[in-house]
Amino acid sequence: MKRRFYRLSVILDHWFTQSLLALALVTTLLLPDLWVIGNPSNDADSILNAVLLFFFVVFSWEIVITCVFCQTLSVCTHRQPPPITRT
């Protein structure tokens, strides 16, 4: 079980995953302001709501995975370093 969560923590710490989360963060921070500046019709507001809801779910899952699973099993923050071999 710990092995599975260790692999999950490696995936979460990967540069690609972190880049996607950073892009999602920038999108959620800037999209509402750009939406107001662009002034689309009121019918298009459902698109904005759907995009923001999607990113909310992504962030929620990332928090749940990081906090609940990794911290409970102490595999994310307490990784074992590779063994040192002395010759």
C-alpha atoms as a PDB file:
ATOM      1  CA  MET A   1       0.000   0.000   0.000  1.00  0.00           C
ATOM      2  CA  LYS A   2       2.797   2.408   0.855  1.00  0.00           C
ATOM      3  CA  ARG A   3       4.460   1.641  -2.469  1.00  0.00           C
ATOM      4  CA  ARG A   4       1.349   2.796  -4.336  1.00  0.00           C
ATOM      5  CA  PHE A   5       1.204   6.072  -2.457  1.00  0.00           C
ATOM      6  CA  TYR A   6       4.925   6.576  -2.872  1.00  0.00           C
ATOM      7  CA  ARG A   7       4.495   6.291  -6.652  1.00  0.00           C
ATOM      8  CA  LEU A   8       1.572   8.705  -6.413  1.00  0.00           C
ATOM      9  CA  SER A   9       3.750  11.211  -4.576  1.00  0.00           C
ATOM     10  CA  VAL A  10       6.436  10.861  -7.240  1.00  0.00           C
ATOM     11  CA  ILE A  11       3.829  11.636  -9.890  1.00  0.00           C
ATOM     12  CA  LEU A  12       2.630  14.677  -7.957  1.00  0.00           C
ATOM     13  CA  ASP A  13       6.185  15.957  -7.563  1.00  0.00           C
ATOM     14  CA  HIS A  14       7.037  15.471 -11.237  1.00  0.00           C
ATOM     15  CA  TRP A  15       7.854  18.647 -13.181  1.00  0.00           C
ATOM     16  CA  PHE A  16       5.093  18.011 -15.739  1.00  0.00           C
ATOM     17  CA  THR A  17       2.391  17.685 -13.081  1.00  0.00           C
ATOM     18  CA  GLN A  18       3.641  20.780 -11.305  1.00  0.00           C
ATOM     19  CA  SER A  19       3.696  22.690 -14.607  1.00  0.00           C
ATOM     20  CA  LEU A  20       0.085  21.727 -15.319  1.00  0.00           C
ATOM     21  CA  LEU A  21      -0.954  22.802 -11.831  1.00  0.00           C
ATOM     22  CA  ALA A  22       0.880  26.115 -12.267  1.00  0.00           C
ATOM     23  CA  LEU A  23      -0.861  26.671 -15.602  1.00  0.00           C
ATOM     24  CA  ALA A  24      -4.194  25.865 -13.966  1.00  0.00           C
ATOM     25  CA  LEU A  25      -3.448  28.336 -11.185  1.00  0.00           C
ATOM     26  CA  VAL A  26      -2.572  31.145 -13.585  1.00  0.00           C
ATOM     27  CA  THR A  27      -5.679  30.349 -15.626  1.00  0.00           C
ATOM     28  CA  THR A  28      -7.988  30.488 -12.629  1.00  0.00           C
ATOM     29  CA  LEU A  29      -6.441  33.715 -11.422  1.00  0.00           C
ATOM     30  CA  LEU A  30      -6.467  35.570 -14.742  1.00  0.00           C
ATOM     31  CA  LEU A  31      -9.407  34.109 -16.650  1.00  0.00           C
ATOM     32  CA  PRO A  32     -12.179  35.956 -14.755  1.00  0.00           C
ATOM     33  CA  ASP A  33     -10.447  39.315 -15.261  1.00  0.00           C
ATOM     34  CA  LEU A  34      -9.791  38.612 -18.927  1.00  0.00           C
ATOM     35  CA  TRP A  35     -13.424  37.542 -19.235  1.00  0.00           C
ATOM     36  CA  VAL A  36     -14.591  40.911 -17.944  1.00  0.00           C
ATOM     37  CA  ILE A  37     -12.184  42.758 -20.226  1.00  0.00           C
ATOM     38  CA  GLY A  38     -13.314  40.691 -23.237  1.00  0.00           C
ATOM     39  CA  ASN A  39     -16.969  41.393 -22.375  1.00  0.00           C
ATOM     40  CA  PRO A  40     -18.576  38.299 -23.958  1.00  0.00           C
ATOM     41  CA  SER A  41     -22.344  37.883 -24.022  1.00  0.00           C
ATOM     42  CA  ASN A  42     -24.119  36.693 -20.898  1.00  0.00           C
ATOM     43  CA  ASP A  43     -24.886  33.366 -22.582  1.00  0.00           C
ATOM     44  CA  ALA A  44     -21.149  32.552 -22.615  1.00  0.00           C
ATOM     45  CA  ASP A  45     -20.834  32.813 -18.827  1.00  0.00           C
ATOM     46  CA  SER A  46     -21.581  29.102 -18.517  1.00  0.00           C
ATOM     47  CA  ILE A  47     -18.288  28.395 -20.315  1.00  0.00           C
ATOM     48  CA  LEU A  48     -16.379  30.418 -17.739  1.00  0.00           C
ATOM     49  CA  ASN A  49     -18.207  28.648 -14.918  1.00  0.00           C
ATOM     50  CA  ALA A  50     -17.449  25.227 -16.409  1.00  0.00           C
ATOM     51  CA  VAL A  51     -13.725  26.006 -16.793  1.00  0.00           C
ATOM     52  CA  LEU A  52     -13.449  27.360 -13.258  1.00  0.00           C
ATOM     53  CA  LEU A  53     -15.396  24.409 -11.856  1.00  0.00           C
ATOM     54  CA  PHE A  54     -13.092  21.970 -13.670  1.00  0.00           C
ATOM     55  CA  PHE A  55      -9.994  23.603 -12.193  1.00  0.00           C
ATOM     56  CA  PHE A  56     -11.632  23.674  -8.770  1.00  0.00           C
ATOM     57  CA  VAL A  57     -12.092  19.901  -8.974  1.00  0.00           C
ATOM     58  CA  VAL A  58      -8.462  19.471 -10.115  1.00  0.00           C
ATOM     59  CA  PHE A  59      -7.165  21.522  -7.186  1.00  0.00           C
ATOM     60  CA  SER A  60      -9.452  19.717  -4.747  1.00  0.00           C
ATOM     61  CA  TRP A  61      -8.190  16.307  -5.868  1.00  0.00           C
ATOM     62  CA  GLU A  62      -4.605  17.463  -5.649  1.00  0.00           C
ATOM     63  CA  ILE A  63      -5.147  18.669  -2.081  1.00  0.00           C
ATOM     64  CA  VAL A  64      -6.940  15.470  -1.064  1.00  0.00           C
ATOM     65  CA  ILE A  65      -4.239  13.270  -2.542  1.00  0.00           C
ATOM     66  CA  THR A  66      -1.418  15.298  -1.045  1.00  0.00           C
ATOM     67  CA  CYS A  67      -2.832  15.886   2.418  1.00  0.00           C
ATOM     68  CA  VAL A  68      -4.849  12.815   3.221  1.00  0.00           C
ATOM     69  CA  PHE A  69      -3.001   9.970   1.550  1.00  0.00           C
ATOM     70  CA  CYS A  70       0.583  11.159   1.591  1.00  0.00           C
ATOM     71  CA  GLN A  71       0.665  12.745   5.024  1.00  0.00           C
ATOM     72  CA  THR A  72      -1.230   9.880   6.625  1.00  0.00           C
ATOM     73  CA  LEU A  73       1.292   7.354   5.365  1.00  0.00           C
ATOM     74  CA  SER A  74       4.285   9.677   5.741  1.00  0.00           C
ATOM     75  CA  VAL A  75       5.647   8.774   2.342  1.00  0.00           C
ATOM     76  CA  CYS A  76       5.581  12.142   0.605  1.00  0.00           C
ATOM     77  CA  THR A  77       7.621  14.252   2.970  1.00  0.00           C
ATOM     78  CA  HIS A  78       9.813  11.549   4.465  1.00  0.00           C
ATOM     79  CA  ARG A  79      11.351   9.886   1.459  1.00  0.00           C
ATOM     80  CA  GLN A  80      14.265   7.663   2.152  1.00  0.00           C
ATOM     81  CA  PRO A  81      17.483   8.842   0.503  1.00  0.00           C
ATOM     82  CA  PRO A  82      19.401   6.305  -1.523  1.00  0.00           C
ATOM     83  CA  PRO A  83      21.814   4.274   0.571  1.00  0.00           C
ATOM     84  CA  ILE A  84      25.381   5.470   0.737  1.00  0.00           C
ATOM     85  CA  THR A  85      27.914   2.861  -0.189  1.00  0.00           C
ATOM     86  CA  ARG A  86      31.358   3.217   1.236  1.00  0.00           C
ATOM     87  CA  THR A  87      34.338   1.572  -0.341  1.00  0.00           C
END
